[in-house]
C-alpha cells in the first residue's frame, strides 16, 4: 500500500515562501490524484489543490496565484510551492492520494506552516 507523508513546513514572515513535500513510500504517485489540504485550529479541513494523474491542477481561490505544483523525476514526491504568505495561511498542511475527502486532515500529522505578521 502506498502511503504519503508531508514535510517542509516552518515559520516564515509575511511575504515569505515555502516548499512543502508530499512523499510516497511503498510506491509512487503515478496514476493517482494528489490533494493538498490545510486546517487551522478549530476549523474545518479545506482543500488547497488537487492534481490529476495527467498533471492537471486546480487551486482553491484563497491560494490562486500564490501556489504552484511540481514533481520530482520519479514522481515519488509532489511539491507544493507557497509564496506571498500571510498570517491567514498559518495552518497544518496535509496531502493525500485519491479523491478529495473532508476527513483527510485526520489521516496524518501534516506539516505546520506558521506565518508571522
PDB file of N, CA and C in Angstrom:
ATOM      1  N   UNK A   1       0.846  -1.190   0.000  1.00  0.00           N
ATOM      2  CA  UNK A   1       0.000   0.000   0.000  1.00  0.00           C
ATOM      3  C   UNK A   1       0.883   1.243   0.000  1.00  0.00           C
ATOM      4  N   UNK A   2       0.572   2.164  -0.893  1.00  0.00           N
ATOM      5  CA  UNK A   2       1.326   3.407  -0.963  1.00  0.00           C
ATOM      6  C   UNK A   2       0.824   4.356   0.110  1.00  0.00           C
ATOM      7  N   UNK A   3       1.737   4.909   0.856  1.00  0.00           N
ATOM      8  CA  UNK A   3       1.405   5.909   1.867  1.00  0.00           C
ATOM      9  C   UNK A   3       2.181   7.177   1.568  1.00  0.00           C
ATOM     10  N   UNK A   4       1.670   8.310   2.053  1.00  0.00           N
ATOM     11  CA  UNK A   4       2.344   9.586   1.834  1.00  0.00           C
ATOM     12  C   UNK A   4       2.614  10.263   3.168  1.00  0.00           C
ATOM     13  N   UNK A   5       3.657  11.074   3.186  1.00  0.00           N
ATOM     14  CA  UNK A   5       3.999  11.851   4.373  1.00  0.00           C
ATOM     15  C   UNK A   5       4.369  13.261   3.936  1.00  0.00           C
ATOM     16  N   UNK A   6       3.948  14.230   4.742  1.00  0.00           N
ATOM     17  CA  UNK A   6       4.201  15.624   4.431  1.00  0.00           C
ATOM     18  C   UNK A   6       5.447  16.128   5.160  1.00  0.00           C
ATOM     19  N   UNK A   7       6.107  17.104   4.555  1.00  0.00           N
ATOM     20  CA  UNK A   7       7.252  17.751   5.195  1.00  0.00           C
ATOM     21  C   UNK A   7       7.469  19.114   4.567  1.00  0.00           C
ATOM     22  N   UNK A   8       8.368  19.885   5.153  1.00  0.00           N
ATOM     23  CA  UNK A   8       8.747  21.163   4.567  1.00  0.00           C
ATOM     24  C   UNK A   8       8.144  22.386   5.217  1.00  0.00           C
ATOM     25  N   UNK A   9       7.266  22.198   6.181  1.00  0.00           N
ATOM     26  CA  UNK A   9       6.683  23.352   6.839  1.00  0.00           C
ATOM     27  C   UNK A   9       7.712  24.098   7.674  1.00  0.00           C
ATOM     28  N   UNK A  10       7.301  25.246   8.168  1.00  0.00           N
ATOM     29  CA  UNK A  10       8.198  26.035   9.004  1.00  0.00           C
ATOM     30  C   UNK A  10       7.581  27.364   9.344  1.00  0.00           C
ATOM     31  N   UNK A  11       8.406  28.243   9.911  1.00  0.00           N
ATOM     32  CA  UNK A  11       7.965  29.579  10.288  1.00  0.00           C
ATOM     33  C   UNK A  11       8.618  30.594   9.371  1.00  0.00           C
ATOM     34  N   UNK A  12       7.804  31.451   8.770  1.00  0.00           N
ATOM     35  CA  UNK A  12       8.310  32.480   7.873  1.00  0.00           C
ATOM     36  C   UNK A  12       7.596  33.790   8.156  1.00  0.00           C
ATOM     37  N   UNK A  13       8.187  34.913   7.781  1.00  0.00           N
ATOM     38  CA  UNK A  13       7.499  36.194   7.937  1.00  0.00           C
ATOM     39  C   UNK A  13       6.510  36.410   6.792  1.00  0.00           C
ATOM     40  N   UNK A  14       5.633  37.373   6.974  1.00  0.00           N
ATOM     41  CA  UNK A  14       4.693  37.730   5.907  1.00  0.00           C
ATOM     42  C   UNK A  14       5.454  38.031   4.620  1.00  0.00           C
ATOM     43  N   UNK A  15       4.949  37.490   3.517  1.00  0.00           N
ATOM     44  CA  UNK A  15       5.619  37.656   2.236  1.00  0.00           C
ATOM     45  C   UNK A  15       6.600  36.556   1.906  1.00  0.00           C
ATOM     46  N   UNK A  16       6.844  35.667   2.852  1.00  0.00           N
ATOM     47  CA  UNK A  16       7.798  34.591   2.648  1.00  0.00           C
ATOM     48  C   UNK A  16       7.244  33.465   1.798  1.00  0.00           C
ATOM     49  N   UNK A  17       8.105  32.484   1.566  1.00  0.00           N
ATOM     50  CA  UNK A  17       7.763  31.342   0.724  1.00  0.00           C
ATOM     51  C   UNK A  17       8.191  30.050   1.392  1.00  0.00           C
ATOM     52  N   UNK A  18       7.519  28.986   1.025  1.00  0.00           N
ATOM     53  CA  UNK A  18       7.873  27.657   1.498  1.00  0.00           C
ATOM     54  C   UNK A  18       7.609  26.647   0.399  1.00  0.00           C
ATOM     55  N   UNK A  19       8.352  25.561   0.447  1.00  0.00           N
ATOM     56  CA  UNK A  19       8.087  24.431  -0.433  1.00  0.00           C
ATOM     57  C   UNK A  19       7.719  23.236   0.433  1.00  0.00           C
ATOM     58  N   UNK A  20       6.518  22.777   0.307  1.00  0.00           N
ATOM     59  CA  UNK A  20       6.058  21.615   1.044  1.00  0.00           C
ATOM     60  C   UNK A  20       6.205  20.375   0.162  1.00  0.00           C
ATOM     61  N   UNK A  21       6.478  19.248   0.805  1.00  0.00           N
ATOM     62  CA  UNK A  21       6.662  17.994   0.073  1.00  0.00           C
ATOM     63  C   UNK A  21       5.635  16.968   0.503  1.00  0.00           C
ATOM     64  N   UNK A  22       5.182  16.208  -0.449  1.00  0.00           N
ATOM     65  CA  UNK A  22       4.288  15.077  -0.216  1.00  0.00           C
ATOM     66  C   UNK A  22       4.994  13.865  -0.828  1.00  0.00           C
ATOM     67  N   UNK A  23       5.577  13.028   0.038  1.00  0.00           N
ATOM     68  CA  UNK A  23       6.428  11.946  -0.426  1.00  0.00           C
ATOM     69  C   UNK A  23       5.768  10.585  -0.220  1.00  0.00           C
ATOM     70  N   UNK A  24       5.774   9.794  -1.276  1.00  0.00           N
ATOM     71  CA  UNK A  24       5.169   8.475  -1.228  1.00  0.00           C
ATOM     72  C   UNK A  24       6.182   7.422  -0.796  1.00  0.00           C
ATOM     73  N   UNK A  25       5.699   6.453  -0.058  1.00  0.00           N
ATOM     74  CA  UNK A  25       6.507   5.283   0.285  1.00  0.00           C
ATOM     75  C   UNK A  25       5.713   4.029  -0.075  1.00  0.00           C
ATOM     76  N   UNK A  26       6.424   2.979  -0.466  1.00  0.00           N
ATOM     77  CA  UNK A  26       5.740   1.767  -0.895  1.00  0.00           C
ATOM     78  C   UNK A  26       5.255   1.851  -2.326  1.00  0.00           C
ATOM     79  N   UNK A  27       5.657   2.886  -3.039  1.00  0.00           N
ATOM     80  CA  UNK A  27       5.228   3.071  -4.416  1.00  0.00           C
ATOM     81  C   UNK A  27       5.450   4.501  -4.850  1.00  0.00           C
ATOM     82  N   UNK A  28       4.790   4.904  -5.914  1.00  0.00           N
ATOM     83  CA  UNK A  28       4.914   6.276  -6.412  1.00  0.00           C
ATOM     84  C   UNK A  28       3.539   6.922  -6.499  1.00  0.00           C
ATOM     85  N   UNK A  29       3.527   8.174  -6.954  1.00  0.00           N
ATOM     86  CA  UNK A  29       2.283   8.910  -7.121  1.00  0.00           C
ATOM     87  C   UNK A  29       1.713   8.743  -8.527  1.00  0.00           C
ATOM     88  N   UNK A  30       2.374   7.947  -9.365  1.00  0.00           N
ATOM     89  CA  UNK A  30       1.866   7.708 -10.709  1.00  0.00           C
ATOM     90  C   UNK A  30       0.436   7.179 -10.676  1.00  0.00           C
ATOM     91  N   UNK A  31      -0.395   7.736 -11.534  1.00  0.00           N
ATOM     92  CA  UNK A  31      -1.753   7.238 -11.667  1.00  0.00           C
ATOM     93  C   UNK A  31      -2.692   7.648 -10.563  1.00  0.00           C
ATOM     94  N   UNK A  32      -2.241   8.505  -9.673  1.00  0.00           N
ATOM     95  CA  UNK A  32      -3.081   8.908  -8.543  1.00  0.00           C
ATOM     96  C   UNK A  32      -3.391  10.389  -8.566  1.00  0.00           C
ATOM     97  N   UNK A  33      -4.551  10.710  -8.117  1.00  0.00           N
ATOM     98  CA  UNK A  33      -4.908  12.087  -7.820  1.00  0.00           C
ATOM     99  C   UNK A  33      -4.226  12.442  -6.505  1.00  0.00           C
ATOM    100  N   UNK A  34      -3.630  13.621  -6.418  1.00  0.00           N
ATOM    101  CA  UNK A  34      -2.992  14.062  -5.181  1.00  0.00           C
ATOM    102  C   UNK A  34      -3.653  15.363  -4.733  1.00  0.00           C
ATOM    103  N   UNK A  35      -4.054  15.395  -3.503  1.00  0.00           N
ATOM    104  CA  UNK A  35      -4.777  16.547  -2.974  1.00  0.00           C
ATOM    105  C   UNK A  35      -4.036  17.117  -1.772  1.00  0.00           C
ATOM    106  N   UNK A  36      -3.906  18.424  -1.731  1.00  0.00           N
ATOM    107  CA  UNK A  36      -3.374  19.127  -0.568  1.00  0.00           C
ATOM    108  C   UNK A  36      -4.539  19.796   0.162  1.00  0.00           C
ATOM    109  N   UNK A  37      -4.442  19.772   1.484  1.00  0.00           N
ATOM    110  CA  UNK A  37      -5.441  20.396   2.342  1.00  0.00           C
ATOM    111  C   UNK A  37      -4.723  21.254   3.373  1.00  0.00           C
ATOM    112  N   UNK A  38      -5.489  22.079   4.052  1.00  0.00           N
ATOM    113  CA  UNK A  38      -4.965  22.747   5.227  1.00  0.00           C
ATOM    114  C   UNK A  38      -6.070  22.857   6.263  1.00  0.00           C
ATOM    115  N   UNK A  39      -5.635  22.891   7.515  1.00  0.00           N
ATOM    116  CA  UNK A  39      -6.593  23.003   8.609  1.00  0.00           C
ATOM    117  C   UNK A  39      -6.041  23.912   9.682  1.00  0.00           C
ATOM    118  N   UNK A  40      -6.818  24.910  10.030  1.00  0.00           N
ATOM    119  CA  UNK A  40      -6.482  25.800  11.130  1.00  0.00           C
ATOM    120  C   UNK A  40      -7.123  25.272  12.401  1.00  0.00           C
ATOM    121  N   UNK A  41      -6.571  25.600  13.562  1.00  0.00           N
ATOM    122  CA  UNK A  41      -7.142  25.105  14.824  1.00  0.00           C
ATOM    123  C   UNK A  41      -8.623  25.454  14.943  1.00  0.00           C
ATOM    124  N   UNK A  42      -9.428  24.453  15.234  1.00  0.00           N
ATOM    125  CA  UNK A  42     -10.846  24.674  15.434  1.00  0.00           C
ATOM    126  C   UNK A  42     -11.649  24.876  14.167  1.00  0.00           C
ATOM    127  N   UNK A  43     -10.998  24.763  13.028  1.00  0.00           N
ATOM    128  CA  UNK A  43     -11.705  24.985  11.772  1.00  0.00           C
ATOM    129  C   UNK A  43     -11.726  23.709  10.930  1.00  0.00           C
ATOM    130  N   UNK A  44     -12.492  23.750   9.846  1.00  0.00           N
ATOM    131  CA  UNK A  44     -12.639  22.565   9.008  1.00  0.00           C
ATOM    132  C   UNK A  44     -11.420  22.358   8.118  1.00  0.00           C
ATOM    133  N   UNK A  45     -11.338  21.151   7.612  1.00  0.00           N
ATOM    134  CA  UNK A  45     -10.281  20.775   6.684  1.00  0.00           C
ATOM    135  C   UNK A  45     -10.667  21.295   5.299  1.00  0.00           C
ATOM    136  N   UNK A  46      -9.802  22.126   4.716  1.00  0.00           N
ATOM    137  CA  UNK A  46     -10.103  22.741   3.422  1.00  0.00           C
ATOM    138  C   UNK A  46      -9.125  22.264   2.348  1.00  0.00           C
ATOM    139  N   UNK A  47      -9.635  22.005   1.168  1.00  0.00           N
ATOM    140  CA  UNK A  47      -8.780  21.632   0.064  1.00  0.00           C
ATOM    141  C   UNK A  47      -8.003  22.852  -0.430  1.00  0.00           C
ATOM    142  N   UNK A  48      -6.724  22.667  -0.693  1.00  0.00           N
ATOM    143  CA  UNK A  48      -5.871  23.735  -1.227  1.00  0.00           C
ATOM    144  C   UNK A  48      -5.653  23.524  -2.724  1.00  0.00           C
ATOM    145  N   UNK A  49      -5.350  22.289  -3.108  1.00  0.00           N
ATOM    146  CA  UNK A  49      -5.093  22.000  -4.517  1.00  0.00           C
ATOM    147  C   UNK A  49      -5.371  20.534  -4.781  1.00  0.00           C
ATOM    148  N   UNK A  50      -5.594  20.237  -6.042  1.00  0.00           N
ATOM    149  CA  UNK A  50      -5.703  18.852  -6.461  1.00  0.00           C
ATOM    150  C   UNK A  50      -4.996  18.701  -7.797  1.00  0.00           C
ATOM    151  N   UNK A  51      -4.262  17.619  -7.952  1.00  0.00           N
ATOM    152  CA  UNK A  51      -3.535  17.334  -9.182  1.00  0.00           C
ATOM    153  C   UNK A  51      -3.993  15.987  -9.705  1.00  0.00           C
ATOM    154  N   UNK A  52      -4.414  15.971 -10.958  1.00  0.00           N
ATOM    155  CA  UNK A  52      -4.904  14.724 -11.550  1.00  0.00           C
ATOM    156  C   UNK A  52      -3.737  13.853 -11.978  1.00  0.00           C
ATOM    157  N   UNK A  53      -3.974  12.584 -12.255  1.00  0.00           N
ATOM    158  CA  UNK A  53      -2.888  11.722 -12.739  1.00  0.00           C
ATOM    159  C   UNK A  53      -2.233  12.261 -14.004  1.00  0.00           C
ATOM    160  N   UNK A  54      -2.966  13.007 -14.798  1.00  0.00           N
ATOM    161  CA  UNK A  54      -2.421  13.573 -16.024  1.00  0.00           C
ATOM    162  C   UNK A  54      -1.692  14.889 -15.816  1.00  0.00           C
ATOM    163  N   UNK A  55      -1.682  15.381 -14.589  1.00  0.00           N
ATOM    164  CA  UNK A  55      -0.949  16.595 -14.276  1.00  0.00           C
ATOM    165  C   UNK A  55      -1.779  17.870 -14.260  1.00  0.00           C
ATOM    166  N   UNK A  56      -3.077  17.755 -14.485  1.00  0.00           N
ATOM    167  CA  UNK A  56      -3.917  18.953 -14.406  1.00  0.00           C
ATOM    168  C   UNK A  56      -4.082  19.348 -12.950  1.00  0.00           C
ATOM    169  N   UNK A  57      -3.993  20.648 -12.696  1.00  0.00           N
ATOM    170  CA  UNK A  57      -4.086  21.117 -11.321  1.00  0.00           C
ATOM    171  C   UNK A  57      -5.253  22.076 -11.141  1.00  0.00           C
ATOM    172  N   UNK A  58      -5.768  22.072  -9.962  1.00  0.00           N
ATOM    173  CA  UNK A  58      -6.823  23.008  -9.567  1.00  0.00           C
ATOM    174  C   UNK A  58      -6.408  23.596  -8.237  1.00  0.00           C
ATOM    175  N   UNK A  59      -6.506  24.908  -8.114  1.00  0.00           N
ATOM    176  CA  UNK A  59      -6.155  25.579  -6.873  1.00  0.00           C
ATOM    177  C   UNK A  59      -7.370  26.300  -6.320  1.00  0.00           C
ATOM    178  N   UNK A  60      -7.551  26.191  -5.029  1.00  0.00           N
ATOM    179  CA  UNK A  60      -8.638  26.899  -4.365  1.00  0.00           C
ATOM    180  C   UNK A  60      -8.381  28.397  -4.448  1.00  0.00           C
ATOM    181  N   UNK A  61      -9.462  29.177  -4.464  1.00  0.00           N
ATOM    182  CA  UNK A  61      -9.292  30.607  -4.726  1.00  0.00           C
ATOM    183  C   UNK A  61      -8.440  31.321  -3.694  1.00  0.00           C
ATOM    184  N   UNK A  62      -8.398  30.816  -2.448  1.00  0.00           N
ATOM    185  CA  UNK A  62      -7.635  31.552  -1.445  1.00  0.00           C
ATOM    186  C   UNK A  62      -6.118  31.382  -1.596  1.00  0.00           C
ATOM    187  N   UNK A  63      -5.668  30.528  -2.509  1.00  0.00           N
ATOM    188  CA  UNK A  63      -4.237  30.407  -2.799  1.00  0.00           C
ATOM    189  C   UNK A  63      -3.920  30.667  -4.268  1.00  0.00           C
ATOM    190  N   UNK A  64      -4.945  30.826  -5.093  1.00  0.00           N
ATOM    191  CA  UNK A  64      -4.747  31.024  -6.531  1.00  0.00           C
ATOM    192  C   UNK A  64      -3.771  32.173  -6.774  1.00  0.00           C
ATOM    193  N   UNK A  65      -2.783  31.947  -7.652  1.00  0.00           N
ATOM    194  CA  UNK A  65      -1.798  32.970  -7.972  1.00  0.00           C
ATOM    195  C   UNK A  65      -0.593  32.979  -7.047  1.00  0.00           C
ATOM    196  N   UNK A  66      -0.669  32.206  -5.964  1.00  0.00           N
ATOM    197  CA  UNK A  66       0.428  32.174  -4.989  1.00  0.00           C
ATOM    198  C   UNK A  66       0.986  30.775  -4.787  1.00  0.00           C
ATOM    199  N   UNK A  67       0.548  29.853  -5.600  1.00  0.00           N
ATOM    200  CA  UNK A  67       0.893  28.457  -5.367  1.00  0.00           C
ATOM    201  C   UNK A  67       1.232  27.776  -6.690  1.00  0.00           C
ATOM    202  N   UNK A  68       2.117  26.800  -6.630  1.00  0.00           N
ATOM    203  CA  UNK A  68       2.480  26.018  -7.805  1.00  0.00           C
ATOM    204  C   UNK A  68       2.749  24.591  -7.375  1.00  0.00           C
ATOM    205  N   UNK A  69       2.654  23.697  -8.341  1.00  0.00           N
ATOM    206  CA  UNK A  69       2.873  22.267  -8.099  1.00  0.00           C
ATOM    207  C   UNK A  69       3.992  21.773  -9.008  1.00  0.00           C
ATOM    208  N   UNK A  70       4.842  20.913  -8.481  1.00  0.00           N
ATOM    209  CA  UNK A  70       5.830  20.236  -9.312  1.00  0.00           C
ATOM    210  C   UNK A  70       6.075  18.847  -8.736  1.00  0.00           C
ATOM    211  N   UNK A  71       6.762  18.017  -9.520  1.00  0.00           N
ATOM    212  CA  UNK A  71       7.090  16.657  -9.094  1.00  0.00           C
ATOM    213  C   UNK A  71       8.579  16.414  -9.253  1.00  0.00           C
ATOM    214  N   UNK A  72       9.099  15.461  -8.501  1.00  0.00           N
ATOM    215  CA  UNK A  72      10.461  15.027  -8.758  1.00  0.00           C
ATOM    216  C   UNK A  72      10.450  14.086  -9.960  1.00  0.00           C
ATOM    217  N   UNK A  73      11.630  13.710 -10.420  1.00  0.00           N
ATOM    218  CA  UNK A  73      11.734  12.939 -11.660  1.00  0.00           C
ATOM    219  C   UNK A  73      11.071  11.572 -11.593  1.00  0.00           C
ATOM    220  N   UNK A  74      11.041  10.996 -10.408  1.00  0.00           N
ATOM    221  CA  UNK A  74      10.468   9.659 -10.263  1.00  0.00           C
ATOM    222  C   UNK A  74       8.987   9.695  -9.906  1.00  0.00           C
ATOM    223  N   UNK A  75       8.454  10.901  -9.748  1.00  0.00           N
ATOM    224  CA  UNK A  75       7.075  11.105  -9.296  1.00  0.00           C
ATOM    225  C   UNK A  75       6.806  10.363  -7.992  1.00  0.00           C
ATOM    226  N   UNK A  76       7.799  10.413  -7.130  1.00  0.00           N
ATOM    227  CA  UNK A  76       7.621   9.913  -5.770  1.00  0.00           C
ATOM    228  C   UNK A  76       7.207  11.036  -4.836  1.00  0.00           C
ATOM    229  N   UNK A  77       7.604  12.257  -5.199  1.00  0.00           N
ATOM    230  CA  UNK A  77       7.301  13.411  -4.365  1.00  0.00           C
ATOM    231  C   UNK A  77       6.600  14.485  -5.177  1.00  0.00           C
ATOM    232  N   UNK A  78       5.522  15.033  -4.613  1.00  0.00           N
ATOM    233  CA  UNK A  78       4.881  16.218  -5.174  1.00  0.00           C
ATOM    234  C   UNK A  78       5.233  17.394  -4.277  1.00  0.00           C
ATOM    235  N   UNK A  79       5.578  18.505  -4.906  1.00  0.00           N
ATOM    236  CA  UNK A  79       5.923  19.707  -4.153  1.00  0.00           C
ATOM    237  C   UNK A  79       4.807  20.739  -4.290  1.00  0.00           C
ATOM    238  N   UNK A  80       4.481  21.364  -3.183  1.00  0.00           N
ATOM    239  CA  UNK A  80       3.539  22.475  -3.169  1.00  0.00           C
ATOM    240  C   UNK A  80       4.335  23.724  -2.820  1.00  0.00           C
ATOM    241  N   UNK A  81       4.465  24.615  -3.794  1.00  0.00           N
ATOM    242  CA  UNK A  81       5.232  25.840  -3.610  1.00  0.00           C
ATOM    243  C   UNK A  81       4.277  26.952  -3.179  1.00  0.00           C
ATOM    244  N   UNK A  82       4.494  27.494  -2.013  1.00  0.00           N
ATOM    245  CA  UNK A  82       3.661  28.570  -1.477  1.00  0.00           C
ATOM    246  C   UNK A  82       4.470  29.857  -1.449  1.00  0.00           C
ATOM    247  N   UNK A  83       3.878  30.939  -1.929  1.00  0.00           N
ATOM    248  CA  UNK A  83       4.575  32.222  -1.910  1.00  0.00           C
ATOM    249  C   UNK A  83       3.634  33.325  -1.446  1.00  0.00           C
ATOM    250  N   UNK A  84       4.198  34.497  -1.202  1.00  0.00           N
ATOM    251  CA  UNK A  84       3.433  35.658  -0.715  1.00  0.00           C
ATOM    252  C   UNK A  84       2.555  35.265   0.468  1.00  0.00           C
ATOM    253  N   UNK A  85       3.157  34.548   1.391  1.00  0.00           N
ATOM    254  CA  UNK A  85       2.404  34.028   2.526  1.00  0.00           C
ATOM    255  C   UNK A  85       1.982  35.141   3.477  1.00  0.00           C
ATOM    256  N   UNK A  86       0.817  34.964   4.051  1.00  0.00           N
ATOM    257  CA  UNK A  86       0.292  35.892   5.061  1.00  0.00           C
ATOM    258  C   UNK A  86      -0.075  35.088   6.310  1.00  0.00           C
ATOM    259  N   UNK A  87      -0.310  35.758   7.427  1.00  0.00           N
ATOM    260  CA  UNK A  87      -0.716  35.033   8.633  1.00  0.00           C
ATOM    261  C   UNK A  87      -1.972  34.177   8.414  1.00  0.00           C
ATOM    262  N   UNK A  88      -2.808  34.545   7.455  1.00  0.00           N
ATOM    263  CA  UNK A  88      -4.005  33.748   7.172  1.00  0.00           C
ATOM    264  C   UNK A  88      -3.662  32.372   6.612  1.00  0.00           C
ATOM    265  N   UNK A  89      -2.444  32.195   6.141  1.00  0.00           N
ATOM    266  CA  UNK A  89      -2.013  30.898   5.623  1.00  0.00           C
ATOM    267  C   UNK A  89      -1.500  29.971   6.716  1.00  0.00           C
ATOM    268  N   UNK A  90      -1.414  30.468   7.927  1.00  0.00           N
ATOM    269  CA  UNK A  90      -0.962  29.634   9.040  1.00  0.00           C
ATOM    270  C   UNK A  90      -1.938  28.491   9.269  1.00  0.00           C
ATOM    271  N   UNK A  91      -1.430  27.269   9.185  1.00  0.00           N
ATOM    272  CA  UNK A  91      -2.281  26.081   9.291  1.00  0.00           C
ATOM    273  C   UNK A  91      -1.391  24.848   9.244  1.00  0.00           C
ATOM    274  N   UNK A  92      -1.992  23.701   9.500  1.00  0.00           N
ATOM    275  CA  UNK A  92      -1.319  22.423   9.255  1.00  0.00           C
ATOM    276  C   UNK A  92      -1.737  21.976   7.852  1.00  0.00           C
ATOM    277  N   UNK A  93      -0.748  21.680   7.037  1.00  0.00           N
ATOM    278  CA  UNK A  93      -0.991  21.283   5.663  1.00  0.00           C
ATOM    279  C   UNK A  93      -0.837  19.760   5.537  1.00  0.00           C
ATOM    280  N   UNK A  94      -1.787  19.158   4.840  1.00  0.00           N
ATOM    281  CA  UNK A  94      -1.823  17.716   4.670  1.00  0.00           C
ATOM    282  C   UNK A  94      -1.891  17.377   3.190  1.00  0.00           C
ATOM    283  N   UNK A  95      -1.390  16.212   2.827  1.00  0.00           N
ATOM    284  CA  UNK A  95      -1.600  15.728   1.469  1.00  0.00           C
ATOM    285  C   UNK A  95      -2.171  14.316   1.540  1.00  0.00           C
ATOM    286  N   UNK A  96      -2.849  13.928   0.488  1.00  0.00           N
ATOM    287  CA  UNK A  96      -3.440  12.597   0.426  1.00  0.00           C
ATOM    288  C   UNK A  96      -3.618  12.210  -1.029  1.00  0.00           C
ATOM    289  N   UNK A  97      -3.654  10.920  -1.279  1.00  0.00           N
ATOM    290  CA  UNK A  97      -3.927  10.404  -2.614  1.00  0.00           C
ATOM    291  C   UNK A  97      -5.396  10.080  -2.724  1.00  0.00           C
ATOM    292  N   UNK A  98      -5.919  10.184  -3.938  1.00  0.00           N
ATOM    293  CA  UNK A  98      -7.310   9.832  -4.157  1.00  0.00           C
ATOM    294  C   UNK A  98      -8.184  11.048  -4.303  1.00  0.00           C
ATOM    295  N   UNK A  99      -9.468  10.812  -4.241  1.00  0.00           N
ATOM    296  CA  UNK A  99     -10.435  11.902  -4.374  1.00  0.00           C
ATOM    297  C   UNK A  99     -10.457  12.773  -3.122  1.00  0.00           C
ATOM    298  N   UNK A 100     -10.854  14.028  -3.274  1.00  0.00           N
ATOM    299  CA  UNK A 100     -10.945  14.897  -2.096  1.00  0.00           C
ATOM    300  C   UNK A 100     -11.825  14.289  -1.016  1.00  0.00           C
ATOM    301  N   UNK A 101     -11.400  14.437   0.220  1.00  0.00           N
ATOM    302  CA  UNK A 101     -12.096  13.834   1.344  1.00  0.00           C
ATOM    303  C   UNK A 101     -11.990  14.772   2.538  1.00  0.00           C
ATOM    304  N   UNK A 102     -13.125  15.131   3.108  1.00  0.00           N
ATOM    305  CA  UNK A 102     -13.119  16.108   4.205  1.00  0.00           C
ATOM    306  C   UNK A 102     -12.456  15.572   5.464  1.00  0.00           C
ATOM    307  N   UNK A 103     -12.212  14.271   5.513  1.00  0.00           N
ATOM    308  CA  UNK A 103     -11.566  13.680   6.691  1.00  0.00           C
ATOM    309  C   UNK A 103     -10.055  13.528   6.513  1.00  0.00           C
ATOM    310  N   UNK A 104      -9.537  13.952   5.372  1.00  0.00           N
ATOM    311  CA  UNK A 104      -8.123  13.735   5.057  1.00  0.00           C
ATOM    312  C   UNK A 104      -7.189  14.370   6.078  1.00  0.00           C
ATOM    313  N   UNK A 105      -7.592  15.454   6.698  1.00  0.00           N
ATOM    314  CA  UNK A 105      -6.734  16.129   7.662  1.00  0.00           C
ATOM    315  C   UNK A 105      -6.508  15.309   8.929  1.00  0.00           C
ATOM    316  N   UNK A 106      -7.292  14.271   9.113  1.00  0.00           N
ATOM    317  CA  UNK A 106      -7.122  13.429  10.304  1.00  0.00           C
ATOM    318  C   UNK A 106      -6.319  12.182  10.008  1.00  0.00           C
ATOM    319  N   UNK A 107      -5.860  12.019   8.763  1.00  0.00           N
ATOM    320  CA  UNK A 107      -5.157  10.790   8.384  1.00  0.00           C
ATOM    321  C   UNK A 107      -3.678  10.809   8.733  1.00  0.00           C
ATOM    322  N   UNK A 108      -3.081  11.924   8.831  1.00  0.00           N
ATOM    323  CA  UNK A 108      -1.656  12.001   9.118  1.00  0.00           C
ATOM    324  C   UNK A 108      -1.342  13.234   9.941  1.00  0.00           C
ATOM    325  N   UNK A 109      -0.062  13.427  10.256  1.00  0.00           N
ATOM    326  CA  UNK A 109       0.324  14.546  11.104  1.00  0.00           C
ATOM    327  C   UNK A 109       0.358  15.861  10.357  1.00  0.00           C
ATOM    328  N   UNK A 110       0.597  15.821   9.055  1.00  0.00           N
ATOM    329  CA  UNK A 110       0.702  17.048   8.304  1.00  0.00           C
ATOM    330  C   UNK A 110       2.000  17.781   8.596  1.00  0.00           C
ATOM    331  N   UNK A 111       2.118  18.971   8.050  1.00  0.00           N
ATOM    332  CA  UNK A 111       3.286  19.810   8.299  1.00  0.00           C
ATOM    333  C   UNK A 111       2.814  21.220   8.622  1.00  0.00           C
ATOM    334  N   UNK A 112       3.346  21.774   9.701  1.00  0.00           N
ATOM    335  CA  UNK A 112       2.882  23.070  10.199  1.00  0.00           C
ATOM    336  C   UNK A 112       3.531  24.216   9.428  1.00  0.00           C
ATOM    337  N   UNK A 113       2.695  25.128   8.974  1.00  0.00           N
ATOM    338  CA  UNK A 113       3.150  26.374   8.357  1.00  0.00           C
ATOM    339  C   UNK A 113       2.705  27.514   9.268  1.00  0.00           C
ATOM    340  N   UNK A 114       3.650  28.318   9.694  1.00  0.00           N
ATOM    341  CA  UNK A 114       3.354  29.461  10.555  1.00  0.00           C
ATOM    342  C   UNK A 114       3.917  30.715   9.901  1.00  0.00           C
ATOM    343  N   UNK A 115       3.037  31.689   9.693  1.00  0.00           N
ATOM    344  CA  UNK A 115       3.443  32.942   9.057  1.00  0.00           C
ATOM    345  C   UNK A 115       3.249  34.063  10.070  1.00  0.00           C
ATOM    346  N   UNK A 116       4.309  34.761  10.373  1.00  0.00           N
ATOM    347  CA  UNK A 116       4.246  35.833  11.366  1.00  0.00           C
ATOM    348  C   UNK A 116       3.959  37.173  10.682  1.00  0.00           C
ATOM    349  N   UNK A 117       3.281  38.027  11.452  1.00  0.00           N
ATOM    350  CA  UNK A 117       2.907  39.345  10.913  1.00  0.00           C
ATOM    351  C   UNK A 117       4.116  40.265  10.798  1.00  0.00           C
TER     352      UNK A 117
END
